[in-house]
C-alpha atoms as a PDB file:
ATOM      1  CA  MET A   1       0.000   0.000   0.000  1.00  0.00           C
ATOM      2  CA  LYS A   2       1.369   3.391  -0.988  1.00  0.00           C
ATOM      3  CA  VAL A   3      -0.012   6.384   0.903  1.00  0.00           C
ATOM      4  CA  CYS A   4       0.802  10.047   1.380  1.00  0.00           C
ATOM      5  CA  PHE A   5       0.301  12.073   4.555  1.00  0.00           C
ATOM      6  CA  VAL A   6      -0.058  15.828   4.377  1.00  0.00           C
ATOM      7  CA  GLY A   7       1.056  17.109   7.752  1.00  0.00           C
ATOM      8  CA  SER A   8       3.035  15.392  10.503  1.00  0.00           C
ATOM      9  CA  GLY A   9       1.568  16.929  13.644  1.00  0.00           C
ATOM     10  CA  SER A  10       0.292  14.926  16.592  1.00  0.00           C
ATOM     11  CA  ILE A  11      -2.827  13.559  14.903  1.00  0.00           C
ATOM     12  CA  GLY A  12      -0.951  12.812  11.684  1.00  0.00           C
ATOM     13  CA  ARG A  13       1.697  10.887  13.612  1.00  0.00           C
ATOM     14  CA  ARG A  14      -0.993   8.908  15.425  1.00  0.00           C
ATOM     15  CA  HIS A  15      -2.570   7.867  12.132  1.00  0.00           C
ATOM     16  CA  MET A  16       0.815   6.993  10.612  1.00  0.00           C
ATOM     17  CA  LYS A  17       1.723   4.727  13.512  1.00  0.00           C
ATOM     18  CA  ASN A  18      -1.693   3.074  13.547  1.00  0.00           C
ATOM     19  CA  LEU A  19      -1.627   2.453   9.812  1.00  0.00           C
ATOM     20  CA  HIS A  20       1.897   1.056  10.099  1.00  0.00           C
ATOM     21  CA  ASP A  21       0.901  -1.275  12.959  1.00  0.00           C
ATOM     22  CA  LEU A  22      -2.197  -2.555  11.143  1.00  0.00           C
ATOM     23  CA  CYS A  23      -0.200  -3.200   7.979  1.00  0.00           C
ATOM     24  CA  GLN A  24       2.392  -5.094   9.981  1.00  0.00           C
ATOM     25  CA  ASP A  25      -0.331  -7.212  11.595  1.00  0.00           C
ATOM     26  CA  SER A  26      -1.832  -8.057   8.197  1.00  0.00           C
ATOM     27  CA  GLY A  27       1.509  -8.564   6.463  1.00  0.00           C
ATOM     28  CA  GLU A  28       0.860  -5.753   3.987  1.00  0.00           C
ATOM     29  CA  GLU A  29       3.847  -3.667   2.900  1.00  0.00           C
ATOM     30  CA  LEU A  30       3.449   0.057   3.586  1.00  0.00           C
ATOM     31  CA  ASN A  31       5.175   2.698   1.472  1.00  0.00           C
ATOM     32  CA  LEU A  32       4.484   5.933   3.351  1.00  0.00           C
ATOM     33  CA  HIS A  33       5.340   9.400   2.036  1.00  0.00           C
ATOM     34  CA  VAL A  34       4.942  12.678   3.943  1.00  0.00           C
ATOM     35  CA  LEU A  35       4.318  16.109   2.449  1.00  0.00           C
ATOM     36  CA  ARG A  36       5.578  18.715   4.905  1.00  0.00           C
ATOM     37  CA  SER A  37       5.003  22.466   4.819  1.00  0.00           C
ATOM     38  CA  GLY A  38       8.652  23.386   5.213  1.00  0.00           C
ATOM     39  CA  ALA A  39      12.105  22.344   6.401  1.00  0.00           C
ATOM     40  CA  ARG A  40      11.326  22.120  10.120  1.00  0.00           C
ATOM     41  CA  GLY A  41      14.093  19.742  11.039  1.00  0.00           C
ATOM     42  CA  ALA A  42      14.048  15.997  11.219  1.00  0.00           C
ATOM     43  CA  LEU A  43      10.862  14.029  11.657  1.00  0.00           C
ATOM     44  CA  PRO A  44      10.221  12.773  15.214  1.00  0.00           C
ATOM     45  CA  SER A  45      12.141   9.644  16.122  1.00  0.00           C
ATOM     46  CA  GLU A  46       8.846   7.760  16.550  1.00  0.00           C
ATOM     47  CA  LEU A  47       8.450   7.883  12.760  1.00  0.00           C
ATOM     48  CA  THR A  48      11.884   6.406  12.041  1.00  0.00           C
ATOM     49  CA  GLY A  49      11.425   3.315   9.932  1.00  0.00           C
ATOM     50  CA  ILE A  50       7.822   4.260   9.090  1.00  0.00           C
ATOM     51  CA  VAL A  51       8.243   7.165   6.650  1.00  0.00           C
ATOM     52  CA  ARG A  52       9.904   6.166   3.386  1.00  0.00           C
ATOM     53  CA  ARG A  53      10.066   9.607   1.765  1.00  0.00           C
ATOM     54  CA  GLU A  54       9.649  13.268   2.693  1.00  0.00           C
ATOM     55  CA  ALA A  55       8.475  15.917   0.241  1.00  0.00           C
ATOM     56  CA  PHE A  56       8.176  19.682   0.607  1.00  0.00           C
ATOM     57  CA  SER A  57       6.177  20.413  -2.533  1.00  0.00           C
ATOM     58  CA  SER A  58       3.262  18.661  -4.216  1.00  0.00           C
ATOM     59  CA  CYS A  59       5.427  18.539  -7.352  1.00  0.00           C
ATOM     60  CA  GLU A  60       7.565  15.939  -5.574  1.00  0.00           C
ATOM     61  CA  LEU A  61       4.638  13.581  -4.972  1.00  0.00           C
ATOM     62  CA  ASP A  62       3.712  10.487  -6.963  1.00  0.00           C
ATOM     63  CA  PRO A  63       0.481  10.594  -8.988  1.00  0.00           C
ATOM     64  CA  ASP A  64      -0.900   7.225  -7.902  1.00  0.00           C
ATOM     65  CA  TYR A  65      -1.340   6.826  -4.142  1.00  0.00           C
ATOM     66  CA  ASP A  66      -3.758   4.256  -2.751  1.00  0.00           C
ATOM     67  CA  ALA A  67      -4.792   6.906  -0.244  1.00  0.00           C
ATOM     68  CA  VAL A  68      -3.966  10.457   0.788  1.00  0.00           C
ATOM     69  CA  PHE A  69      -4.352  11.602   4.407  1.00  0.00           C
ATOM     70  CA  ILE A  70      -5.150  15.295   4.912  1.00  0.00           C
ATOM     71  CA  CYS A  71      -3.833  16.038   8.410  1.00  0.00           C
ATOM     72  CA  ASN A  72      -2.600  19.624   8.099  1.00  0.00           C
ATOM     73  CA  PRO A  73      -4.272  22.636   9.816  1.00  0.00           C
ATOM     74  CA  THR A  74      -8.005  22.946   9.180  1.00  0.00           C
ATOM     75  CA  PHE A  75      -7.776  26.233   7.298  1.00  0.00           C
ATOM     76  CA  ARG A  76      -5.630  24.514   4.650  1.00  0.00           C
ATOM     77  CA  HIS A  77      -7.914  21.540   4.018  1.00  0.00           C
ATOM     78  CA  TYR A  78      -9.915  23.052   1.154  1.00  0.00           C
ATOM     79  CA  ASP A  79      -6.866  24.046  -0.914  1.00  0.00           C
ATOM     80  CA  THR A  80      -5.046  20.795  -0.096  1.00  0.00           C
ATOM     81  CA  ILE A  81      -7.947  18.610  -1.220  1.00  0.00           C
ATOM     82  CA  CYS A  82      -8.271  20.614  -4.444  1.00  0.00           C
ATOM     83  CA  GLY A  83      -4.532  20.479  -5.083  1.00  0.00           C
ATOM     84  CA  LEU A  84      -4.197  16.718  -4.553  1.00  0.00           C
ATOM     85  CA  LYS A  85      -7.534  15.502  -5.945  1.00  0.00           C
ATOM     86  CA  ASN A  86      -5.814  13.734  -8.860  1.00  0.00           C
ATOM     87  CA  HIS A  87      -3.157  11.976  -6.751  1.00  0.00           C
ATOM     88  CA  SER A  88      -5.519   9.319  -5.405  1.00  0.00           C
ATOM     89  CA  ARG A  89      -9.094   8.081  -5.482  1.00  0.00           C
ATOM     90  CA  CYS A  90      -9.386   7.655  -1.710  1.00  0.00           C
ATOM     91  CA  PHE A  91      -8.858  10.415   0.858  1.00  0.00           C
ATOM     92  CA  PHE A  92      -8.872  10.493   4.656  1.00  0.00           C
ATOM     93  CA  VAL A  93      -9.644  14.048   5.816  1.00  0.00           C
ATOM     94  CA  GLU A  94      -8.998  14.907   9.441  1.00  0.00           C
ATOM     95  CA  LYS A  95     -11.817  16.648  11.259  1.00  0.00           C
ATOM     96  CA  PRO A  96     -13.097  19.301  11.064  1.00  0.00           C
ATOM     97  CA  VAL A  97     -13.461  19.115   7.308  1.00  0.00           C
ATOM     98  CA  PHE A  98     -13.107  22.886   6.729  1.00  0.00           C
ATOM     99  CA  ASP A  99     -12.672  26.081   8.718  1.00  0.00           C
ATOM    100  CA  ARG A 100     -15.604  27.972   7.159  1.00  0.00           C
ATOM    101  CA  THR A 101     -19.064  27.283   5.776  1.00  0.00           C
ATOM    102  CA  ASP A 102     -18.968  29.570   2.748  1.00  0.00           C
ATOM    103  CA  TYR A 103     -17.158  27.110   0.478  1.00  0.00           C
ATOM    104  CA  ARG A 104     -19.019  25.650  -2.500  1.00  0.00           C
ATOM    105  CA  LEU A 105     -18.235  21.950  -2.942  1.00  0.00           C
ATOM    106  CA  GLU A 106     -19.111  22.110  -6.630  1.00  0.00           C
ATOM    107  CA  ASP A 107     -16.321  24.659  -7.134  1.00  0.00           C
ATOM    108  CA  MET A 108     -13.792  22.019  -6.057  1.00  0.00           C
ATOM    109  CA  GLU A 109     -14.469  20.025  -9.264  1.00  0.00           C
ATOM    110  CA  LEU A 110     -13.613  16.750  -7.571  1.00  0.00           C
ATOM    111  CA  PRO A 111     -13.399  13.625  -9.755  1.00  0.00           C
ATOM    112  CA  SER A 112     -16.676  11.731  -9.545  1.00  0.00           C
ATOM    113  CA  GLY A 113     -15.043   8.447  -8.570  1.00  0.00           C
ATOM    114  CA  ASN A 114     -13.104   9.829  -5.600  1.00  0.00           C
ATOM    115  CA  GLN A 115     -14.009   8.977  -2.013  1.00  0.00           C
ATOM    116  CA  TYR A 116     -13.466  11.432   0.832  1.00  0.00           C
ATOM    117  CA  TYR A 117     -13.880   9.997   4.313  1.00  0.00           C
ATOM    118  CA  VAL A 118     -13.903  12.625   7.076  1.00  0.00           C
ATOM    119  CA  ALA A 119     -12.563  11.430  10.423  1.00  0.00           C
ATOM    120  CA  CYS A 120     -15.088  10.693  13.175  1.00  0.00           C
ATOM    121  CA  PRO A 121     -13.199   8.532  15.713  1.00  0.00           C
ATOM    122  CA  LEU A 122     -15.664   8.913  18.594  1.00  0.00           C
ATOM    123  CA  ARG A 123     -18.142   6.813  16.622  1.00  0.00           C
ATOM    124  CA  TYR A 124     -15.638   3.962  17.084  1.00  0.00           C
ATOM    125  CA  SER A 125     -15.484   4.228  20.877  1.00  0.00           C
ATOM    126  CA  ARG A 126     -17.051   1.169  22.448  1.00  0.00           C
ATOM    127  CA  VAL A 127     -19.459   3.278  24.515  1.00  0.00           C
ATOM    128  CA  LEU A 128     -20.930   5.051  21.479  1.00  0.00           C
ATOM    129  CA  MET A 129     -20.970   1.889  19.395  1.00  0.00           C
ATOM    130  CA  ARG A 130     -23.024   0.319  22.178  1.00  0.00           C
ATOM    131  CA  ALA A 131     -25.192   3.449  22.484  1.00  0.00           C
ATOM    132  CA  LYS A 132     -26.153   3.104  18.835  1.00  0.00           C
ATOM    133  CA  GLU A 133     -27.226  -0.492  19.440  1.00  0.00           C
ATOM    134  CA  ILE A 134     -29.245   0.373  22.564  1.00  0.00           C
ATOM    135  CA  LEU A 135     -31.025   3.423  21.167  1.00  0.00           C
ATOM    136  CA  ARG A 136     -31.867   1.875  17.799  1.00  0.00           C
ATOM    137  CA  ASN A 137     -35.110   0.367  19.139  1.00  0.00           C
ATOM    138  CA  ARG A 138     -36.028   2.975  21.752  1.00  0.00           C
ATOM    139  CA  ARG A 139     -38.042   6.167  21.474  1.00  0.00           C
ATOM    140  CA  VAL A 140     -35.810   9.046  22.545  1.00  0.00           C
ATOM    141  CA  VAL A 141     -37.595  12.128  23.878  1.00  0.00           C
ATOM    142  CA  SER A 142     -34.629  14.189  25.124  1.00  0.00           C
ATOM    143  CA  ALA A 143     -30.837  14.137  25.059  1.00  0.00           C
ATOM    144  CA  GLN A 144     -28.044  16.156  26.638  1.00  0.00           C
ATOM    145  CA  ALA A 145     -24.402  16.027  25.565  1.00  0.00           C
ATOM    146  CA  VAL A 146     -21.390  17.645  27.252  1.00  0.00           C
ATOM    147  CA  SER A 147     -17.732  17.993  26.318  1.00  0.00           C
ATOM    148  CA  SER A 148     -15.785  19.987  28.897  1.00  0.00           C
ATOM    149  CA  SER A 149     -12.011  19.996  29.335  1.00  0.00           C
ATOM    150  CA  TYR A 150      -9.082  22.321  30.006  1.00  0.00           C
ATOM    151  CA  LEU A 151      -7.289  23.301  26.794  1.00  0.00           C
ATOM    152  CA  PRO A 152      -3.817  23.780  28.402  1.00  0.00           C
ATOM    153  CA  ASP A 153      -3.911  20.105  29.441  1.00  0.00           C
ATOM    154  CA  TRP A 154      -4.692  18.750  25.972  1.00  0.00           C
ATOM    155  CA  ARG A 155      -1.171  18.362  24.628  1.00  0.00           C
ATOM    156  CA  GLU A 156       1.569  17.575  27.108  1.00  0.00           C
ATOM    157  CA  GLY A 157       4.661  19.735  26.698  1.00  0.00           C
ATOM    158  CA  VAL A 158       2.990  22.042  24.143  1.00  0.00           C
ATOM    159  CA  ASP A 159       2.111  25.690  24.764  1.00  0.00           C
ATOM    160  CA  TYR A 160      -1.658  25.731  24.237  1.00  0.00           C
ATOM    161  CA  ARG A 161      -1.464  29.343  23.049  1.00  0.00           C
ATOM    162  CA  GLN A 162       0.494  28.228  19.978  1.00  0.00           C
ATOM    163  CA  THR A 163      -1.920  25.483  18.895  1.00  0.00           C
ATOM    164  CA  TYR A 164      -4.535  25.894  16.180  1.00  0.00           C
ATOM    165  CA  SER A 165      -7.225  25.333  18.823  1.00  0.00           C
ATOM    166  CA  ALA A 166      -6.292  28.671  20.394  1.00  0.00           C
ATOM    167  CA  LYS A 167      -6.297  30.606  17.122  1.00  0.00           C
ATOM    168  CA  LYS A 168      -9.530  31.687  15.494  1.00  0.00           C
ATOM    169  CA  GLU A 169      -7.727  32.432  12.230  1.00  0.00           C
ATOM    170  CA  GLU A 170      -6.534  28.809  11.970  1.00  0.00           C
ATOM    171  CA  GLY A 171      -9.929  27.241  12.533  1.00  0.00           C
ATOM    172  CA  GLY A 172      -9.735  26.958  16.308  1.00  0.00           C
ATOM    173  CA  GLY A 173     -12.616  27.297  18.727  1.00  0.00           C
ATOM    174  CA  VAL A 174     -14.976  24.837  20.362  1.00  0.00           C
ATOM    175  CA  ARG A 175     -17.593  24.962  17.602  1.00  0.00           C
ATOM    176  CA  ILE A 176     -15.453  23.184  15.025  1.00  0.00           C
ATOM    177  CA  ASP A 177     -12.590  21.859  17.166  1.00  0.00           C
ATOM    178  CA  LEU A 178     -15.117  19.810  19.163  1.00  0.00           C
ATOM    179  CA  ILE A 179     -17.187  18.830  16.154  1.00  0.00           C
ATOM    180  CA  HIS A 180     -16.873  15.214  17.356  1.00  0.00           C
ATOM    181  CA  GLU A 181     -20.000  15.844  19.418  1.00  0.00           C
ATOM    182  CA  TRP A 182     -22.199  17.009  16.557  1.00  0.00           C
ATOM    183  CA  ASP A 183     -20.846  14.204  14.422  1.00  0.00           C
ATOM    184  CA  TYR A 184     -21.890  11.420  16.781  1.00  0.00           C
ATOM    185  CA  LEU A 185     -25.181  13.153  17.642  1.00  0.00           C
ATOM    186  CA  ALA A 186     -26.093  13.405  13.953  1.00  0.00           C
ATOM    187  CA  ASP A 187     -25.083   9.774  13.519  1.00  0.00           C
ATOM    188  CA  LEU A 188     -27.340   8.696  16.398  1.00  0.00           C
ATOM    189  CA  PHE A 189     -30.311  10.989  15.870  1.00  0.00           C
ATOM    190  CA  GLY A 190     -30.031  12.423  12.346  1.00  0.00           C
ATOM    191  CA  GLN A 191     -29.983  16.091  11.373  1.00  0.00           C
ATOM    192  CA  PRO A 192     -32.127  18.397  13.543  1.00  0.00           C
ATOM    193  CA  GLU A 193     -34.913  20.504  12.086  1.00  0.00           C
ATOM    194  CA  GLU A 194     -33.846  23.653  13.910  1.00  0.00           C
ATOM    195  CA  VAL A 195     -30.842  24.727  15.995  1.00  0.00           C
ATOM    196  CA  PHE A 196     -30.388  27.653  18.384  1.00  0.00           C
ATOM    197  CA  SER A 197     -26.940  28.544  19.673  1.00  0.00           C
ATOM    198  CA  LEU A 198     -24.871  31.066  21.621  1.00  0.00           C
ATOM    199  CA  SER A 199     -21.077  31.097  21.913  1.00  0.00           C
ATOM    200  CA  GLY A 200     -18.097  33.278  22.705  1.00  0.00           C
ATOM    201  CA  LYS A 201     -14.829  33.756  24.589  1.00  0.00           C
ATOM    202  CA  TYR A 202     -15.589  33.879  28.326  1.00  0.00           C
ATOM    203  CA  SER A 203     -12.673  32.371  30.268  1.00  0.00           C
ATOM    204  CA  ASP A 204      -9.226  33.767  31.089  1.00  0.00           C
ATOM    205  CA  LEU A 205      -7.480  31.495  28.578  1.00  0.00           C
ATOM    206  CA  GLU A 206      -5.030  33.382  26.355  1.00  0.00           C
ATOM    207  CA  ILE A 207      -6.716  32.499  23.073  1.00  0.00           C
ATOM    208  CA  THR A 208      -8.522  34.317  20.265  1.00  0.00           C
ATOM    209  CA  SER A 209     -10.956  31.483  19.564  1.00  0.00           C
ATOM    210  CA  GLU A 210     -14.302  30.800  21.236  1.00  0.00           C
ATOM    211  CA  ASP A 211     -14.085  28.751  24.423  1.00  0.00           C
ATOM    212  CA  LEU A 212     -17.801  28.127  25.040  1.00  0.00           C
ATOM    213  CA  ALA A 213     -20.750  27.124  22.869  1.00  0.00           C
ATOM    214  CA  VAL A 214     -24.240  26.070  23.953  1.00  0.00           C
ATOM    215  CA  TYR A 215     -26.855  24.617  21.588  1.00  0.00           C
ATOM    216  CA  ILE A 216     -30.500  23.606  21.695  1.00  0.00           C
ATOM    217  CA  ALA A 217     -31.678  21.496  18.757  1.00  0.00           C
ATOM    218  CA  ARG A 218     -35.253  20.638  17.877  1.00  0.00           C
ATOM    219  CA  TYR A 219     -36.347  17.421  16.197  1.00  0.00           C
ATOM    220  CA  SER A 220     -39.911  16.478  15.389  1.00  0.00           C
ATOM    221  CA  ASP A 221     -39.994  14.120  18.380  1.00  0.00           C
ATOM    222  CA  LYS A 222     -37.266  15.326  20.772  1.00  0.00           C
ATOM    223  CA  LEU A 223     -35.116  18.197  22.026  1.00  0.00           C
ATOM    224  CA  LEU A 224     -31.335  18.025  22.362  1.00  0.00           C
ATOM    225  CA  GLU A 225     -28.923  20.131  24.443  1.00  0.00           C
ATOM    226  CA  LEU A 226     -25.185  20.405  23.807  1.00  0.00           C
ATOM    227  CA  HIS A 227     -22.495  22.132  25.911  1.00  0.00           C
ATOM    228  CA  LEU A 228     -18.912  22.555  24.665  1.00  0.00           C
ATOM    229  CA  ASP A 229     -16.055  24.320  26.457  1.00  0.00           C
ATOM    230  CA  TYR A 230     -12.265  24.624  26.690  1.00  0.00           C
ATOM    231  CA  PHE A 231     -12.078  25.563  30.397  1.00  0.00           C
ATOM    232  CA  GLY A 232     -13.426  22.598  32.385  1.00  0.00           C
ATOM    233  CA  ARG A 233     -10.808  21.734  35.020  1.00  0.00           C
ATOM    234  CA  GLN A 234     -12.410  18.339  35.625  1.00  0.00           C
ATOM    235  CA  PRO A 235     -12.885  16.751  32.179  1.00  0.00           C
ATOM    236  CA  LYS A 236     -16.355  15.502  31.262  1.00  0.00           C
ATOM    237  CA  ARG A 237     -17.602  13.904  28.085  1.00  0.00           C
ATOM    238  CA  TYR A 238     -20.954  12.196  28.160  1.00  0.00           C
ATOM    239  CA  LEU A 239     -24.315  11.736  26.520  1.00  0.00           C
ATOM    240  CA  ARG A 240     -27.448  11.547  28.685  1.00  0.00           C
ATOM    241  CA  VAL A 241     -30.566  10.208  26.978  1.00  0.00           C
ATOM    242  CA  TRP A 242     -34.140  10.023  28.206  1.00  0.00           C
ATOM    243  CA  THR A 243     -36.281   7.470  26.392  1.00  0.00           C
ATOM    244  CA  SER A 244     -39.959   6.671  26.895  1.00  0.00           C
ATOM    245  CA  GLU A 245     -38.929   3.953  29.368  1.00  0.00           C
ATOM    246  CA  GLU A 246     -35.378   4.493  30.694  1.00  0.00           C
ATOM    247  CA  GLU A 247     -32.743   7.120  31.330  1.00  0.00           C
ATOM    248  CA  TYR A 248     -29.243   6.340  30.017  1.00  0.00           C
ATOM    249  CA  LEU A 249     -25.909   7.957  30.738  1.00  0.00           C
ATOM    250  CA  PHE A 250     -23.187   7.095  28.244  1.00  0.00           C
ATOM    251  CA  ASP A 251     -19.958   8.213  29.940  1.00  0.00           C
ATOM    252  CA  ILE A 252     -17.593   8.425  26.976  1.00  0.00           C
ATOM    253  CA  LEU A 253     -14.611   9.616  28.995  1.00  0.00           C
ATOM    254  CA  ASN A 254     -14.747   6.768  31.524  1.00  0.00           C
ATOM    255  CA  GLY A 255     -16.141   4.046  29.277  1.00  0.00           C
ATOM    256  CA  SER A 256     -19.274   3.367  31.297  1.00  0.00           C
ATOM    257  CA  ILE A 257     -23.014   3.065  30.697  1.00  0.00           C
ATOM    258  CA  TYR A 258     -25.628   3.750  33.371  1.00  0.00           C
ATOM    259  CA  THR A 259     -29.278   2.754  33.105  1.00  0.00           C
ATOM    260  CA  ASP A 260     -31.601   4.590  35.499  1.00  0.00           C
ATOM    261  CA  GLY A 261     -28.598   5.553  37.620  1.00  0.00           C
ATOM    262  CA  VAL A 262     -27.083   2.073  37.855  1.00  0.00           C
ATOM    263  CA  MET A 263     -23.895   1.104  36.021  1.00  0.00           C
ATOM    264  CA  THR A 264     -24.870  -1.646  33.604  1.00  0.00           C
ATOM    265  CA  GLU A 265     -21.814  -1.847  31.333  1.00  0.00           C
ATOM    266  CA  SER A 266     -18.172  -0.826  31.534  1.00  0.00           C
ATOM    267  CA  PHE A 267     -15.495  -0.859  28.868  1.00  0.00           C
ATOM    268  CA  HIS A 268     -11.797  -0.670  29.575  1.00  0.00           C
ATOM    269  CA  GLU A 269      -9.954   0.506  26.506  1.00  0.00           C
ATOM    270  CA  GLU A 270      -7.047   2.765  25.688  1.00  0.00           C
ATOM    271  CA  ARG A 271      -7.909   5.957  23.820  1.00  0.00           C
ATOM    272  CA  ASN A 272      -5.985   4.805  20.765  1.00  0.00           C
ATOM    273  CA  GLU A 273      -8.229   1.759  20.285  1.00  0.00           C
ATOM    274  CA  MET A 274     -11.013   3.801  18.696  1.00  0.00           C
ATOM    275  CA  TYR A 275      -8.475   5.296  16.279  1.00  0.00           C
ATOM    276  CA  LEU A 276      -7.258   1.805  15.416  1.00  0.00           C
ATOM    277  CA  ARG A 277     -10.828   0.677  14.692  1.00  0.00           C
ATOM    278  CA  GLU A 278     -11.355   3.734  12.531  1.00  0.00           C
ATOM    279  CA  MET A 279      -8.136   3.077  10.609  1.00  0.00           C
ATOM    280  CA  ALA A 280      -9.105  -0.564  10.085  1.00  0.00           C
ATOM    281  CA  TYR A 281     -12.409   0.655   8.658  1.00  0.00           C
ATOM    282  CA  PHE A 282     -10.602   3.072   6.322  1.00  0.00           C
ATOM    283  CA  MET A 283      -8.322   0.308   5.078  1.00  0.00           C
ATOM    284  CA  GLU A 284     -11.449  -1.650   4.146  1.00  0.00           C
ATOM    285  CA  LEU A 285     -12.775   1.473   2.416  1.00  0.00           C
ATOM    286  CA  ILE A 286      -9.586   1.647   0.336  1.00  0.00           C
ATOM    287  CA  ASP A 287     -10.122  -1.986  -0.658  1.00  0.00           C
ATOM    288  CA  GLY A 288     -13.759  -1.328  -1.575  1.00  0.00           C
ATOM    289  CA  LYS A 289     -15.132  -3.654   1.130  1.00  0.00           C
ATOM    290  CA  VAL A 290     -17.285  -1.001   2.877  1.00  0.00           C
ATOM    291  CA  LYS A 291     -19.132   2.185   1.964  1.00  0.00           C
ATOM    292  CA  ASP A 292     -18.050   5.662   3.040  1.00  0.00           C
ATOM    293  CA  SER A 293     -19.811   6.376   6.343  1.00  0.00           C
ATOM    294  CA  ASN A 294     -18.933  10.080   6.600  1.00  0.00           C
ATOM    295  CA  THR A 295     -18.604  11.674   3.190  1.00  0.00           C
ATOM    296  CA  LEU A 296     -17.363  15.180   2.442  1.00  0.00           C
ATOM    297  CA  GLU A 297     -20.936  16.299   1.847  1.00  0.00           C
ATOM    298  CA  HIS A 298     -22.260  14.803   5.084  1.00  0.00           C
ATOM    299  CA  ALA A 299     -19.399  16.179   7.189  1.00  0.00           C
ATOM    300  CA  TYR A 300     -19.838  19.627   5.645  1.00  0.00           C
ATOM    301  CA  GLN A 301     -23.539  19.593   6.518  1.00  0.00           C
ATOM    302  CA  THR A 302     -22.699  18.617  10.104  1.00  0.00           C
ATOM    303  CA  MET A 303     -20.183  21.441  10.255  1.00  0.00           C
ATOM    304  CA  LYS A 304     -22.816  23.954   9.128  1.00  0.00           C
ATOM    305  CA  ILE A 305     -24.894  22.931  12.157  1.00  0.00           C
ATOM    306  CA  ALA A 306     -21.904  23.195  14.489  1.00  0.00           C
ATOM    307  CA  ILE A 307     -20.754  26.611  13.304  1.00  0.00           C
ATOM    308  CA  LEU A 308     -24.239  28.114  13.258  1.00  0.00           C
ATOM    309  CA  LYS A 309     -24.395  31.646  14.701  1.00  0.00           C
END
């Protein structure tokens, strides 16, 4: 398998290592190229033996990759996809898909046979996979989702003020940085009929992006609440669902499920396991064994809900 990664930041390195490990397990040879934005020194030692070739211009790339991974900053996704659309027929686009909602997909003139899968790793957490099974046959009347954590603690050894999350101009801010929540909610419940939202910068964090967003979404048969923030000192990530018969709490952060206040299931898994499951799915997508579960069009529609003012 010959693939190209655009960007070698933390999420790009995670995907490279996972792809390498899965190929090793299956006995498939991996020829991995990396397109970097500039001469920023040597690649991290963790990628030694994984990356076969570095490039610093798209002119240096091969024209026939089995897949291209778009893992550079969000505000560069649109131009990168357009620039590399003829280098492969299968693309993995890191979330969020874009930084704005005023792009026109038809202007990209993408080849009709290309596939663009937009990352949605939370769907592959065991808690949310189980939530989908449980809720499939139940009538949901209300749901509440929360993602609260402290941005300076996200990346160990990295100044949070220098990350894209902190910079509005680079696509940072809870609305699109935490689009995981809207992605799994839309996967579970579909697209809402109407959404109301307020957001802004309210904490003392030294950032230019929004650190709080609150939504209320209306469906024909339910209401949904969503809270997103960058300043929660005690991390929380959960989905609470009221059905016509039970109340469920899906604790994504701690891998637990509660039914009417009683823990009924618990999953012990490392965070990387959901990324491994997602990568295994994408490898099957490359081979044509599965259908694209989060297309460019679908992810863009989800983003329009998330970024709503």
